[in-house]
């Protein structure tokens, strides 16, 4: 029988991931509906502020990860056990899929042609002229910044405790720069949920490999260069 603390942690990851993606991806669709009245800065701020709030709210329960790449990074530095990490990733993917379903129910058929279809269900996509290799590099760099923010400001005991503020700022900055290039997912689940519901998994390699590479490089540098011994 799972313990109450485990159930609470998995629920926190599911709910937090769900709310983060509904707000973030939903903003992209709303931006299309309103003729780009929100813009890249608004989209970035919604993602960053939502993550800052949710990471702070659920941080003491599950760590407020909401991202398989972050979970892998925490596993690499020994902060998450293997079975615990796999459970968290499963919860994140469930939350992401529920978010994708919510976006479809809320926006499919809105406008003609559908803003939902135009936004690929809210899933990130490569910008014009970028190939998969370039997309992987961009996602890896963006994710590395996010993971450094998590590990060096929220996890490191030496850092000032500011909740999820710096993590939200990192996401905001990443989206302002990387949004037009790859959608700045920085998160395999952020791509997976909307994409699987929309039915287009063609860019899986970019949004799985890119974030995992960036997270791995950042985590290993933290473990072997920056951690106190």
C-alpha atoms as a PDB file:
ATOM      1  CA  UNK A   1       0.000   0.000   0.000  1.00  0.00           C
ATOM      2  CA  UNK A   2       1.582   3.331  -1.016  1.00  0.00           C
ATOM      3  CA  UNK A   3       2.287   5.696   1.847  1.00  0.00           C
ATOM      4  CA  UNK A   4       0.345   8.920   2.225  1.00  0.00           C
ATOM      5  CA  UNK A   5       3.487  10.947   1.534  1.00  0.00           C
ATOM      6  CA  UNK A   6       4.107   9.076  -1.726  1.00  0.00           C
ATOM      7  CA  UNK A   7       0.518   9.581  -2.864  1.00  0.00           C
ATOM      8  CA  UNK A   8       0.774  13.268  -1.992  1.00  0.00           C
ATOM      9  CA  UNK A   9       4.045  13.654  -3.919  1.00  0.00           C
ATOM     10  CA  UNK A  10       2.692  11.933  -7.030  1.00  0.00           C
ATOM     11  CA  UNK A  11      -0.518  13.963  -6.845  1.00  0.00           C
ATOM     12  CA  UNK A  12       1.533  17.148  -6.533  1.00  0.00           C
ATOM     13  CA  UNK A  13       3.556  16.273  -9.638  1.00  0.00           C
ATOM     14  CA  UNK A  14       0.430  15.388 -11.604  1.00  0.00           C
ATOM     15  CA  UNK A  15      -1.556  18.459 -10.588  1.00  0.00           C
ATOM     16  CA  UNK A  16       1.367  20.853 -10.852  1.00  0.00           C
ATOM     17  CA  UNK A  17       2.336  19.599 -14.301  1.00  0.00           C
ATOM     18  CA  UNK A  18      -1.284  19.761 -15.440  1.00  0.00           C
ATOM     19  CA  UNK A  19      -1.829  23.345 -14.295  1.00  0.00           C
ATOM     20  CA  UNK A  20       1.530  24.528 -15.618  1.00  0.00           C
ATOM     21  CA  UNK A  21       0.862  23.139 -19.093  1.00  0.00           C
ATOM     22  CA  UNK A  22      -2.771  24.190 -19.319  1.00  0.00           C
ATOM     23  CA  UNK A  23      -1.785  27.761 -18.494  1.00  0.00           C
ATOM     24  CA  UNK A  24       1.368  27.782 -20.612  1.00  0.00           C
ATOM     25  CA  UNK A  25       0.128  26.014 -23.723  1.00  0.00           C
ATOM     26  CA  UNK A  26      -3.302  27.576 -23.325  1.00  0.00           C
ATOM     27  CA  UNK A  27      -1.740  31.026 -23.484  1.00  0.00           C
ATOM     28  CA  UNK A  28      -0.192  30.176 -26.844  1.00  0.00           C
ATOM     29  CA  UNK A  29      -3.581  29.193 -28.246  1.00  0.00           C
ATOM     30  CA  UNK A  30      -5.265  32.266 -26.751  1.00  0.00           C
ATOM     31  CA  UNK A  31      -2.556  34.413 -28.328  1.00  0.00           C
ATOM     32  CA  UNK A  32      -3.539  33.031 -31.728  1.00  0.00           C
ATOM     33  CA  UNK A  33      -7.240  33.566 -31.057  1.00  0.00           C
ATOM     34  CA  UNK A  34      -6.652  37.187 -30.054  1.00  0.00           C
ATOM     35  CA  UNK A  35      -4.442  38.044 -33.015  1.00  0.00           C
ATOM     36  CA  UNK A  36      -1.131  37.813 -31.148  1.00  0.00           C
ATOM     37  CA  UNK A  37      -2.213  40.334 -28.536  1.00  0.00           C
ATOM     38  CA  UNK A  38      -0.251  38.507 -25.819  1.00  0.00           C
ATOM     39  CA  UNK A  39       3.030  38.181 -27.701  1.00  0.00           C
ATOM     40  CA  UNK A  40       6.196  36.310 -26.854  1.00  0.00           C
ATOM     41  CA  UNK A  41       6.840  38.381 -23.713  1.00  0.00           C
ATOM     42  CA  UNK A  42       3.364  37.646 -22.363  1.00  0.00           C
ATOM     43  CA  UNK A  43       3.685  33.949 -23.149  1.00  0.00           C
ATOM     44  CA  UNK A  44       7.065  33.856 -21.426  1.00  0.00           C
ATOM     45  CA  UNK A  45       5.726  35.627 -18.342  1.00  0.00           C
ATOM     46  CA  UNK A  46       2.738  33.298 -18.020  1.00  0.00           C
ATOM     47  CA  UNK A  47       5.014  30.260 -18.148  1.00  0.00           C
ATOM     48  CA  UNK A  48       7.527  31.767 -15.743  1.00  0.00           C
ATOM     49  CA  UNK A  49       5.042  33.088 -13.213  1.00  0.00           C
ATOM     50  CA  UNK A  50       2.948  29.916 -13.257  1.00  0.00           C
ATOM     51  CA  UNK A  51       6.030  27.766 -12.693  1.00  0.00           C
ATOM     52  CA  UNK A  52       7.317  30.038  -9.920  1.00  0.00           C
ATOM     53  CA  UNK A  53       3.997  29.759  -8.080  1.00  0.00           C
ATOM     54  CA  UNK A  54       3.540  26.032  -8.590  1.00  0.00           C
ATOM     55  CA  UNK A  55       7.167  25.137  -7.777  1.00  0.00           C
ATOM     56  CA  UNK A  56       6.878  27.125  -4.560  1.00  0.00           C
ATOM     57  CA  UNK A  57       3.482  25.683  -3.683  1.00  0.00           C
ATOM     58  CA  UNK A  58       4.413  22.037  -4.253  1.00  0.00           C
ATOM     59  CA  UNK A  59       8.151  22.265  -3.587  1.00  0.00           C
ATOM     60  CA  UNK A  60       7.949  20.910  -0.056  1.00  0.00           C
ATOM     61  CA  UNK A  61       5.727  18.022  -1.159  1.00  0.00           C
ATOM     62  CA  UNK A  62       7.390  16.653  -4.303  1.00  0.00           C
ATOM     63  CA  UNK A  63      10.148  19.111  -5.108  1.00  0.00           C
ATOM     64  CA  UNK A  64       7.921  20.824  -7.668  1.00  0.00           C
ATOM     65  CA  UNK A  65       9.723  19.221 -10.604  1.00  0.00           C
ATOM     66  CA  UNK A  66       6.995  18.969 -13.283  1.00  0.00           C
ATOM     67  CA  UNK A  67       9.642  18.002 -15.837  1.00  0.00           C
ATOM     68  CA  UNK A  68      11.272  14.621 -16.632  1.00  0.00           C
ATOM     69  CA  UNK A  69      14.523  16.421 -17.517  1.00  0.00           C
ATOM     70  CA  UNK A  70      14.630  18.010 -14.056  1.00  0.00           C
ATOM     71  CA  UNK A  71      13.844  14.645 -12.458  1.00  0.00           C
ATOM     72  CA  UNK A  72      16.706  13.037 -14.387  1.00  0.00           C
ATOM     73  CA  UNK A  73      19.026  15.847 -13.262  1.00  0.00           C
ATOM     74  CA  UNK A  74      18.031  15.304  -9.626  1.00  0.00           C
ATOM     75  CA  UNK A  75      18.610  11.565 -10.068  1.00  0.00           C
ATOM     76  CA  UNK A  76      22.080  12.192 -11.511  1.00  0.00           C
ATOM     77  CA  UNK A  77      23.140  14.214  -8.469  1.00  0.00           C
ATOM     78  CA  UNK A  78      21.690  11.663  -6.080  1.00  0.00           C
ATOM     79  CA  UNK A  79      18.700  13.664  -4.868  1.00  0.00           C
ATOM     80  CA  UNK A  80      16.079  11.279  -6.297  1.00  0.00           C
ATOM     81  CA  UNK A  81      16.091   7.475  -6.120  1.00  0.00           C
ATOM     82  CA  UNK A  82      15.566   5.511  -9.338  1.00  0.00           C
ATOM     83  CA  UNK A  83      12.116   4.116  -8.517  1.00  0.00           C
ATOM     84  CA  UNK A  84      11.028   7.470  -7.113  1.00  0.00           C
ATOM     85  CA  UNK A  85      12.187   9.228 -10.270  1.00  0.00           C
ATOM     86  CA  UNK A  86      10.322   6.803 -12.513  1.00  0.00           C
ATOM     87  CA  UNK A  87       7.148   7.353 -10.502  1.00  0.00           C
ATOM     88  CA  UNK A  88       7.533  11.119 -10.751  1.00  0.00           C
ATOM     89  CA  UNK A  89       8.076  10.958 -14.518  1.00  0.00           C
ATOM     90  CA  UNK A  90       4.960   8.800 -14.895  1.00  0.00           C
ATOM     91  CA  UNK A  91       2.957  11.337 -12.859  1.00  0.00           C
ATOM     92  CA  UNK A  92       4.322  14.189 -14.993  1.00  0.00           C
ATOM     93  CA  UNK A  93       3.341  12.436 -18.228  1.00  0.00           C
ATOM     94  CA  UNK A  94      -0.148  11.778 -16.877  1.00  0.00           C
ATOM     95  CA  UNK A  95      -0.532  15.440 -15.935  1.00  0.00           C
ATOM     96  CA  UNK A  96       0.781  16.484 -19.338  1.00  0.00           C
ATOM     97  CA  UNK A  97      -1.668  14.217 -21.165  1.00  0.00           C
ATOM     98  CA  UNK A  98      -4.583  15.497 -19.108  1.00  0.00           C
ATOM     99  CA  UNK A  99      -3.492  19.030 -19.971  1.00  0.00           C
ATOM    100  CA  UNK A 100      -3.448  18.120 -23.658  1.00  0.00           C
ATOM    101  CA  UNK A 101      -6.967  16.716 -23.400  1.00  0.00           C
ATOM    102  CA  UNK A 102      -8.173  19.844 -21.613  1.00  0.00           C
ATOM    103  CA  UNK A 103      -6.734  22.081 -24.323  1.00  0.00           C
ATOM    104  CA  UNK A 104      -8.441  20.009 -27.010  1.00  0.00           C
ATOM    105  CA  UNK A 105     -11.804  20.144 -25.265  1.00  0.00           C
ATOM    106  CA  UNK A 106     -11.465  23.875 -24.611  1.00  0.00           C
ATOM    107  CA  UNK A 107     -10.181  25.107 -27.960  1.00  0.00           C
ATOM    108  CA  UNK A 108     -10.894  22.613 -30.750  1.00  0.00           C
ATOM    109  CA  UNK A 109     -13.295  24.294 -33.147  1.00  0.00           C
ATOM    110  CA  UNK A 110     -12.666  27.789 -31.774  1.00  0.00           C
ATOM    111  CA  UNK A 111     -12.152  30.079 -34.777  1.00  0.00           C
ATOM    112  CA  UNK A 112     -12.028  28.921 -38.350  1.00  0.00           C
ATOM    113  CA  UNK A 113      -9.501  27.540 -39.104  1.00  0.00           C
ATOM    114  CA  UNK A 114      -9.168  26.193 -35.595  1.00  0.00           C
ATOM    115  CA  UNK A 115      -6.652  27.984 -33.385  1.00  0.00           C
ATOM    116  CA  UNK A 116      -6.110  24.620 -31.686  1.00  0.00           C
ATOM    117  CA  UNK A 117      -4.980  23.052 -34.955  1.00  0.00           C
ATOM    118  CA  UNK A 118      -2.900  26.085 -35.899  1.00  0.00           C
ATOM    119  CA  UNK A 119      -1.058  25.791 -32.580  1.00  0.00           C
ATOM    120  CA  UNK A 120      -0.598  22.016 -33.050  1.00  0.00           C
ATOM    121  CA  UNK A 121      -2.642  21.442 -29.944  1.00  0.00           C
ATOM    122  CA  UNK A 122      -0.353  23.692 -27.916  1.00  0.00           C
ATOM    123  CA  UNK A 123       2.733  21.559 -28.545  1.00  0.00           C
ATOM    124  CA  UNK A 124       6.082  23.240 -29.300  1.00  0.00           C
ATOM    125  CA  UNK A 125       7.416  23.112 -32.856  1.00  0.00           C
ATOM    126  CA  UNK A 126      10.588  23.996 -34.717  1.00  0.00           C
ATOM    127  CA  UNK A 127      10.763  27.461 -36.210  1.00  0.00           C
ATOM    128  CA  UNK A 128      11.116  28.004 -39.929  1.00  0.00           C
ATOM    129  CA  UNK A 129      14.508  26.945 -41.244  1.00  0.00           C
ATOM    130  CA  UNK A 130      15.595  24.918 -38.218  1.00  0.00           C
ATOM    131  CA  UNK A 131      16.395  21.237 -38.586  1.00  0.00           C
ATOM    132  CA  UNK A 132      16.257  18.572 -35.895  1.00  0.00           C
ATOM    133  CA  UNK A 133      19.934  18.845 -34.946  1.00  0.00           C
ATOM    134  CA  UNK A 134      19.680  22.599 -34.484  1.00  0.00           C
ATOM    135  CA  UNK A 135      16.503  22.116 -32.478  1.00  0.00           C
ATOM    136  CA  UNK A 136      18.210  19.611 -30.181  1.00  0.00           C
ATOM    137  CA  UNK A 137      21.100  22.033 -29.582  1.00  0.00           C
ATOM    138  CA  UNK A 138      18.736  24.913 -28.783  1.00  0.00           C
ATOM    139  CA  UNK A 139      16.632  22.795 -26.423  1.00  0.00           C
ATOM    140  CA  UNK A 140      19.753  21.453 -24.705  1.00  0.00           C
ATOM    141  CA  UNK A 141      21.085  24.965 -24.040  1.00  0.00           C
ATOM    142  CA  UNK A 142      17.746  26.270 -22.795  1.00  0.00           C
ATOM    143  CA  UNK A 143      17.256  23.256 -20.546  1.00  0.00           C
ATOM    144  CA  UNK A 144      20.756  23.588 -19.110  1.00  0.00           C
ATOM    145  CA  UNK A 145      19.903  27.091 -17.884  1.00  0.00           C
ATOM    146  CA  UNK A 146      16.689  25.815 -16.309  1.00  0.00           C
ATOM    147  CA  UNK A 147      18.438  22.901 -14.608  1.00  0.00           C
ATOM    148  CA  UNK A 148      21.192  25.142 -13.251  1.00  0.00           C
ATOM    149  CA  UNK A 149      18.481  27.357 -11.802  1.00  0.00           C
ATOM    150  CA  UNK A 150      16.843  24.354 -10.132  1.00  0.00           C
ATOM    151  CA  UNK A 151      19.999  22.742  -8.801  1.00  0.00           C
ATOM    152  CA  UNK A 152      21.927  25.859  -7.800  1.00  0.00           C
ATOM    153  CA  UNK A 153      19.123  28.000  -6.374  1.00  0.00           C
ATOM    154  CA  UNK A 154      16.474  25.581  -5.112  1.00  0.00           C
ATOM    155  CA  UNK A 155      18.402  22.401  -4.272  1.00  0.00           C
ATOM    156  CA  UNK A 156      21.837  23.642  -3.154  1.00  0.00           C
ATOM    157  CA  UNK A 157      21.751  24.249   0.595  1.00  0.00           C
ATOM    158  CA  UNK A 158      24.132  27.207   0.192  1.00  0.00           C
ATOM    159  CA  UNK A 159      21.717  29.178  -1.970  1.00  0.00           C
ATOM    160  CA  UNK A 160      19.221  31.709  -0.611  1.00  0.00           C
ATOM    161  CA  UNK A 161      15.777  30.136  -0.457  1.00  0.00           C
ATOM    162  CA  UNK A 162      13.553  32.054  -2.843  1.00  0.00           C
ATOM    163  CA  UNK A 163      11.015  29.349  -3.635  1.00  0.00           C
ATOM    164  CA  UNK A 164      10.532  28.916  -7.358  1.00  0.00           C
ATOM    165  CA  UNK A 165      11.285  32.560  -8.225  1.00  0.00           C
ATOM    166  CA  UNK A 166      14.620  32.027  -9.957  1.00  0.00           C
ATOM    167  CA  UNK A 167      13.319  28.938 -11.739  1.00  0.00           C
ATOM    168  CA  UNK A 168      10.421  30.965 -13.114  1.00  0.00           C
ATOM    169  CA  UNK A 169      12.809  33.722 -14.197  1.00  0.00           C
ATOM    170  CA  UNK A 170      14.977  31.168 -16.030  1.00  0.00           C
ATOM    171  CA  UNK A 171      11.940  29.814 -17.895  1.00  0.00           C
ATOM    172  CA  UNK A 172      10.820  33.332 -18.804  1.00  0.00           C
ATOM    173  CA  UNK A 173      14.240  34.215 -20.219  1.00  0.00           C
ATOM    174  CA  UNK A 174      14.460  30.919 -22.113  1.00  0.00           C
ATOM    175  CA  UNK A 175      11.083  31.436 -23.783  1.00  0.00           C
ATOM    176  CA  UNK A 176      11.838  35.015 -24.817  1.00  0.00           C
ATOM    177  CA  UNK A 177      14.984  33.818 -26.600  1.00  0.00           C
ATOM    178  CA  UNK A 178      14.067  30.278 -27.617  1.00  0.00           C
ATOM    179  CA  UNK A 179      10.323  30.515 -28.143  1.00  0.00           C
ATOM    180  CA  UNK A 180      10.571  31.582 -31.799  1.00  0.00           C
ATOM    181  CA  UNK A 181      13.172  28.864 -32.446  1.00  0.00           C
ATOM    182  CA  UNK A 182      11.815  25.684 -30.856  1.00  0.00           C
ATOM    183  CA  UNK A 183       8.933  26.801 -28.665  1.00  0.00           C
ATOM    184  CA  UNK A 184      11.368  26.543 -25.720  1.00  0.00           C
ATOM    185  CA  UNK A 185       9.877  23.381 -24.242  1.00  0.00           C
ATOM    186  CA  UNK A 186      12.861  22.505 -21.993  1.00  0.00           C
ATOM    187  CA  UNK A 187      10.687  19.620 -20.908  1.00  0.00           C
ATOM    188  CA  UNK A 188       9.833  16.323 -22.661  1.00  0.00           C
ATOM    189  CA  UNK A 189       6.445  16.244 -20.926  1.00  0.00           C
ATOM    190  CA  UNK A 190       5.616  19.765 -22.128  1.00  0.00           C
ATOM    191  CA  UNK A 191       5.908  18.445 -25.681  1.00  0.00           C
ATOM    192  CA  UNK A 192       4.460  14.989 -25.012  1.00  0.00           C
ATOM    193  CA  UNK A 193       1.068  15.827 -23.512  1.00  0.00           C
ATOM    194  CA  UNK A 194      -0.225  18.233 -26.173  1.00  0.00           C
ATOM    195  CA  UNK A 195       1.503  16.336 -28.993  1.00  0.00           C
ATOM    196  CA  UNK A 196       0.123  12.907 -28.135  1.00  0.00           C
ATOM    197  CA  UNK A 197      -3.415  14.264 -27.830  1.00  0.00           C
ATOM    198  CA  UNK A 198      -3.046  16.236 -31.052  1.00  0.00           C
ATOM    199  CA  UNK A 199      -1.660  13.127 -32.738  1.00  0.00           C
ATOM    200  CA  UNK A 200       1.693  14.367 -34.058  1.00  0.00           C
ATOM    201  CA  UNK A 201       4.813  12.793 -32.536  1.00  0.00           C
ATOM    202  CA  UNK A 202       7.057  13.551 -35.509  1.00  0.00           C
ATOM    203  CA  UNK A 203       9.400  15.839 -33.555  1.00  0.00           C
ATOM    204  CA  UNK A 204       9.910  13.495 -30.627  1.00  0.00           C
ATOM    205  CA  UNK A 205      13.690  13.324 -31.014  1.00  0.00           C
ATOM    206  CA  UNK A 206      14.057  17.097 -30.602  1.00  0.00           C
ATOM    207  CA  UNK A 207      11.924  17.438 -27.499  1.00  0.00           C
ATOM    208  CA  UNK A 208      13.158  14.307 -25.769  1.00  0.00           C
ATOM    209  CA  UNK A 209      16.848  14.298 -26.676  1.00  0.00           C
ATOM    210  CA  UNK A 210      17.419  18.056 -26.412  1.00  0.00           C
ATOM    211  CA  UNK A 211      16.156  18.561 -22.842  1.00  0.00           C
ATOM    212  CA  UNK A 212      17.715  15.312 -21.590  1.00  0.00           C
ATOM    213  CA  UNK A 213      21.119  16.203 -23.036  1.00  0.00           C
ATOM    214  CA  UNK A 214      21.018  19.684 -21.528  1.00  0.00           C
ATOM    215  CA  UNK A 215      19.832  18.374 -18.168  1.00  0.00           C
ATOM    216  CA  UNK A 216      22.502  15.664 -18.096  1.00  0.00           C
ATOM    217  CA  UNK A 217      25.368  18.039 -18.883  1.00  0.00           C
ATOM    218  CA  UNK A 218      24.190  20.587 -16.319  1.00  0.00           C
ATOM    219  CA  UNK A 219      23.653  17.955 -13.619  1.00  0.00           C
ATOM    220  CA  UNK A 220      27.031  16.312 -14.134  1.00  0.00           C
ATOM    221  CA  UNK A 221      28.821  19.657 -13.975  1.00  0.00           C
ATOM    222  CA  UNK A 222      27.008  20.452 -10.737  1.00  0.00           C
ATOM    223  CA  UNK A 223      27.850  17.057  -9.288  1.00  0.00           C
ATOM    224  CA  UNK A 224      31.541  17.030 -10.177  1.00  0.00           C
ATOM    225  CA  UNK A 225      32.458  20.743 -10.261  1.00  0.00           C
ATOM    226  CA  UNK A 226      30.155  22.798  -8.078  1.00  0.00           C
ATOM    227  CA  UNK A 227      28.981  20.563  -5.228  1.00  0.00           C
ATOM    228  CA  UNK A 228      30.728  20.963  -1.897  1.00  0.00           C
ATOM    229  CA  UNK A 229      32.775  17.937  -0.899  1.00  0.00           C
END
